[in-house]
C-alpha cells in the first residue's frame, strides 16, 4: 500500500533534501514498508510491533525492534 514518497515525507516535515534526523521510532510498524520510506532520513531507526508475523517480516528487513510489554 502506498502511503507517501520520500519527497512527500520531507515536505510534510518541512526539511531540506540533505536533512537527517537522529532517531526514528515507528510505533506499530506493521510490515515496515512505510518505515522503509522514512528510514533514509534518520541515522537510527527502531520499530515496535505486537504481531508475531509482522515482527518476523520487520526482522527480515533488518529493522531494530524494541520489545513492548505485549511482545511475545
N, C-alpha and C. Protein backbone atom coordinates (compact mmCIF):
# COMPACT_ATOMS: atom_id res chain seq x y z
N UNK A 1 0.84 -1.17 0.00
CA UNK A 1 0.00 0.00 0.00
C UNK A 1 0.89 1.25 0.00
N UNK A 2 0.63 2.16 -0.91
CA UNK A 2 1.40 3.40 -0.99
C UNK A 2 0.83 4.40 0.01
N UNK A 3 1.69 4.94 0.87
CA UNK A 3 1.26 5.95 1.84
C UNK A 3 1.83 7.31 1.44
N UNK A 4 3.15 7.37 1.25
CA UNK A 4 3.79 8.60 0.80
C UNK A 4 5.18 8.28 0.28
N UNK A 5 5.70 9.20 -0.53
CA UNK A 5 7.05 9.05 -1.06
C UNK A 5 8.03 9.76 -0.12
N UNK A 6 9.31 9.55 -0.35
CA UNK A 6 10.34 10.21 0.44
C UNK A 6 10.20 11.73 0.31
N UNK A 7 10.01 12.23 -0.90
CA UNK A 7 9.90 13.68 -1.08
C UNK A 7 8.64 14.23 -0.40
N UNK A 8 7.55 13.47 -0.41
CA UNK A 8 6.34 13.91 0.29
C UNK A 8 6.57 13.94 1.80
N UNK A 9 7.32 12.96 2.32
CA UNK A 9 7.62 12.93 3.75
C UNK A 9 8.50 14.11 4.13
N UNK A 10 9.49 14.43 3.29
CA UNK A 10 10.34 15.60 3.54
C UNK A 10 9.50 16.88 3.54
N UNK A 11 8.56 16.97 2.63
CA UNK A 11 7.69 18.14 2.57
C UNK A 11 6.81 18.21 3.82
N UNK A 12 6.29 17.08 4.28
CA UNK A 12 5.49 17.03 5.49
C UNK A 12 6.28 17.54 6.70
N UNK A 13 7.56 17.13 6.78
CA UNK A 13 8.42 17.56 7.88
C UNK A 13 8.97 18.97 7.69
N UNK A 14 8.81 19.50 6.46
CA UNK A 14 9.34 20.82 6.11
C UNK A 14 10.86 20.86 6.31
N UNK A 15 11.55 19.88 5.72
CA UNK A 15 13.01 19.79 5.83
C UNK A 15 13.63 19.76 4.43
N UNK A 16 14.90 20.11 4.36
CA UNK A 16 15.62 20.10 3.09
C UNK A 16 15.98 18.66 2.70
N UNK A 17 16.41 18.48 1.45
CA UNK A 17 16.75 17.14 0.96
C UNK A 17 17.95 16.55 1.67
N UNK A 18 18.84 17.39 2.23
CA UNK A 18 20.03 16.86 2.90
C UNK A 18 19.85 16.74 4.42
N UNK A 19 18.66 17.03 4.94
CA UNK A 19 18.39 16.94 6.38
C UNK A 19 18.39 15.48 6.82
N UNK A 20 18.98 15.23 8.00
CA UNK A 20 18.95 13.91 8.62
C UNK A 20 18.63 14.08 10.10
N UNK A 21 17.68 13.31 10.57
CA UNK A 21 17.34 13.30 11.98
C UNK A 21 18.15 12.25 12.72
N UNK A 22 18.19 12.37 14.02
CA UNK A 22 18.97 11.43 14.82
C UNK A 22 18.31 10.05 14.87
N UNK A 23 17.06 10.00 15.33
CA UNK A 23 16.40 8.71 15.54
C UNK A 23 14.94 8.75 15.11
N UNK A 24 14.47 7.61 14.62
CA UNK A 24 13.06 7.42 14.28
C UNK A 24 12.56 6.22 15.07
N UNK A 25 11.43 6.37 15.73
CA UNK A 25 10.76 5.27 16.40
C UNK A 25 9.39 5.12 15.76
N UNK A 26 9.16 4.01 15.08
CA UNK A 26 7.88 3.75 14.42
C UNK A 26 7.09 2.80 15.31
N UNK A 27 6.04 3.32 15.93
CA UNK A 27 5.19 2.53 16.81
C UNK A 27 4.14 1.80 15.99
N UNK A 28 4.09 0.50 16.11
CA UNK A 28 3.15 -0.29 15.31
C UNK A 28 3.53 -0.26 13.84
N UNK A 29 4.75 -0.67 13.56
CA UNK A 29 5.34 -0.52 12.22
C UNK A 29 4.74 -1.44 11.16
N UNK A 30 3.94 -2.40 11.56
CA UNK A 30 3.36 -3.31 10.57
C UNK A 30 4.44 -4.08 9.84
N UNK A 31 4.38 -4.10 8.51
CA UNK A 31 5.39 -4.84 7.74
C UNK A 31 6.62 -4.00 7.42
N UNK A 32 6.63 -2.74 7.82
CA UNK A 32 7.81 -1.90 7.65
C UNK A 32 7.92 -1.16 6.33
N UNK A 33 6.95 -1.31 5.46
CA UNK A 33 7.06 -0.65 4.15
C UNK A 33 7.06 0.87 4.28
N UNK A 34 6.21 1.42 5.15
CA UNK A 34 6.22 2.86 5.37
C UNK A 34 7.50 3.29 6.07
N UNK A 35 7.96 2.47 7.00
CA UNK A 35 9.21 2.75 7.71
C UNK A 35 10.38 2.82 6.73
N UNK A 36 10.38 1.96 5.72
CA UNK A 36 11.44 1.97 4.72
C UNK A 36 11.50 3.29 3.97
N UNK A 37 10.36 3.94 3.78
CA UNK A 37 10.34 5.24 3.11
C UNK A 37 10.97 6.30 4.01
N UNK A 38 10.66 6.27 5.31
CA UNK A 38 11.15 7.28 6.24
C UNK A 38 12.60 7.05 6.67
N UNK A 39 13.03 5.81 6.69
CA UNK A 39 14.33 5.44 7.24
C UNK A 39 15.54 6.20 6.68
N UNK A 40 15.61 6.49 5.39
CA UNK A 40 16.79 7.19 4.88
C UNK A 40 17.03 8.57 5.49
N UNK A 41 16.03 9.12 6.15
CA UNK A 41 16.17 10.45 6.74
C UNK A 41 16.70 10.42 8.16
N UNK A 42 16.96 9.25 8.70
CA UNK A 42 17.38 9.14 10.09
C UNK A 42 18.63 8.28 10.22
N UNK A 43 19.44 8.63 11.24
CA UNK A 43 20.66 7.86 11.50
C UNK A 43 20.35 6.49 12.09
N UNK A 44 19.37 6.43 12.98
CA UNK A 44 18.96 5.15 13.57
C UNK A 44 17.44 5.01 13.48
N UNK A 45 17.00 3.78 13.28
CA UNK A 45 15.57 3.50 13.16
C UNK A 45 15.23 2.33 14.07
N UNK A 46 14.21 2.52 14.90
CA UNK A 46 13.72 1.47 15.78
C UNK A 46 12.23 1.30 15.52
N UNK A 47 11.74 0.09 15.67
CA UNK A 47 10.32 -0.18 15.43
C UNK A 47 9.74 -0.98 16.59
N UNK A 48 8.43 -0.86 16.76
CA UNK A 48 7.69 -1.74 17.67
C UNK A 48 6.55 -2.36 16.87
N UNK A 49 6.18 -3.55 17.27
CA UNK A 49 5.06 -4.25 16.61
C UNK A 49 4.66 -5.42 17.51
N UNK A 50 3.36 -5.61 17.74
CA UNK A 50 2.93 -6.71 18.60
C UNK A 50 2.61 -7.98 17.82
N UNK A 51 2.37 -7.86 16.53
CA UNK A 51 2.04 -9.03 15.71
C UNK A 51 3.30 -9.86 15.43
N UNK A 52 3.24 -11.13 15.80
CA UNK A 52 4.37 -12.02 15.55
C UNK A 52 4.79 -12.10 14.09
N UNK A 53 3.86 -12.32 13.17
CA UNK A 53 4.24 -12.38 11.76
C UNK A 53 4.86 -11.06 11.25
N UNK A 54 4.32 -9.93 11.71
CA UNK A 54 4.88 -8.64 11.28
C UNK A 54 6.26 -8.43 11.87
N UNK A 55 6.48 -8.86 13.13
CA UNK A 55 7.82 -8.76 13.74
C UNK A 55 8.81 -9.60 12.95
N UNK A 56 8.39 -10.76 12.47
CA UNK A 56 9.27 -11.61 11.66
C UNK A 56 9.66 -10.87 10.38
N UNK A 57 8.69 -10.26 9.70
CA UNK A 57 8.97 -9.51 8.47
C UNK A 57 9.90 -8.33 8.76
N UNK A 58 9.64 -7.60 9.84
CA UNK A 58 10.50 -6.47 10.20
C UNK A 58 11.94 -6.94 10.44
N UNK A 59 12.08 -8.06 11.11
CA UNK A 59 13.42 -8.61 11.35
C UNK A 59 14.11 -8.98 10.05
N UNK A 60 13.37 -9.59 9.12
CA UNK A 60 13.95 -9.94 7.82
C UNK A 60 14.37 -8.69 7.05
N UNK A 61 13.68 -7.59 7.28
CA UNK A 61 14.02 -6.33 6.61
C UNK A 61 15.12 -5.56 7.34
N UNK A 62 15.60 -6.11 8.44
CA UNK A 62 16.75 -5.53 9.13
C UNK A 62 16.46 -4.43 10.12
N UNK A 63 15.21 -4.28 10.52
CA UNK A 63 14.88 -3.22 11.47
C UNK A 63 15.23 -3.62 12.89
N UNK A 64 15.66 -2.63 13.69
CA UNK A 64 15.96 -2.82 15.10
C UNK A 64 14.64 -2.77 15.87
N UNK A 65 14.24 -3.91 16.45
CA UNK A 65 12.97 -3.98 17.15
C UNK A 65 13.14 -3.70 18.63
N UNK A 66 12.21 -2.92 19.16
CA UNK A 66 12.14 -2.65 20.58
C UNK A 66 11.02 -3.50 21.15
N UNK A 67 11.29 -4.21 22.22
CA UNK A 67 10.27 -5.07 22.82
C UNK A 67 9.26 -4.22 23.58
N UNK A 68 8.01 -4.63 23.53
CA UNK A 68 6.96 -3.99 24.30
C UNK A 68 6.42 -5.00 25.29
N UNK A 69 5.63 -4.55 26.22
CA UNK A 69 5.12 -5.48 27.25
C UNK A 69 4.20 -6.54 26.65
N UNK A 70 3.67 -6.30 25.45
CA UNK A 70 2.81 -7.30 24.82
C UNK A 70 3.52 -8.11 23.75
N UNK A 71 4.81 -7.85 23.52
CA UNK A 71 5.58 -8.64 22.53
C UNK A 71 5.86 -10.01 23.11
N UNK A 72 5.57 -11.05 22.35
CA UNK A 72 5.84 -12.42 22.83
C UNK A 72 6.45 -13.23 21.74
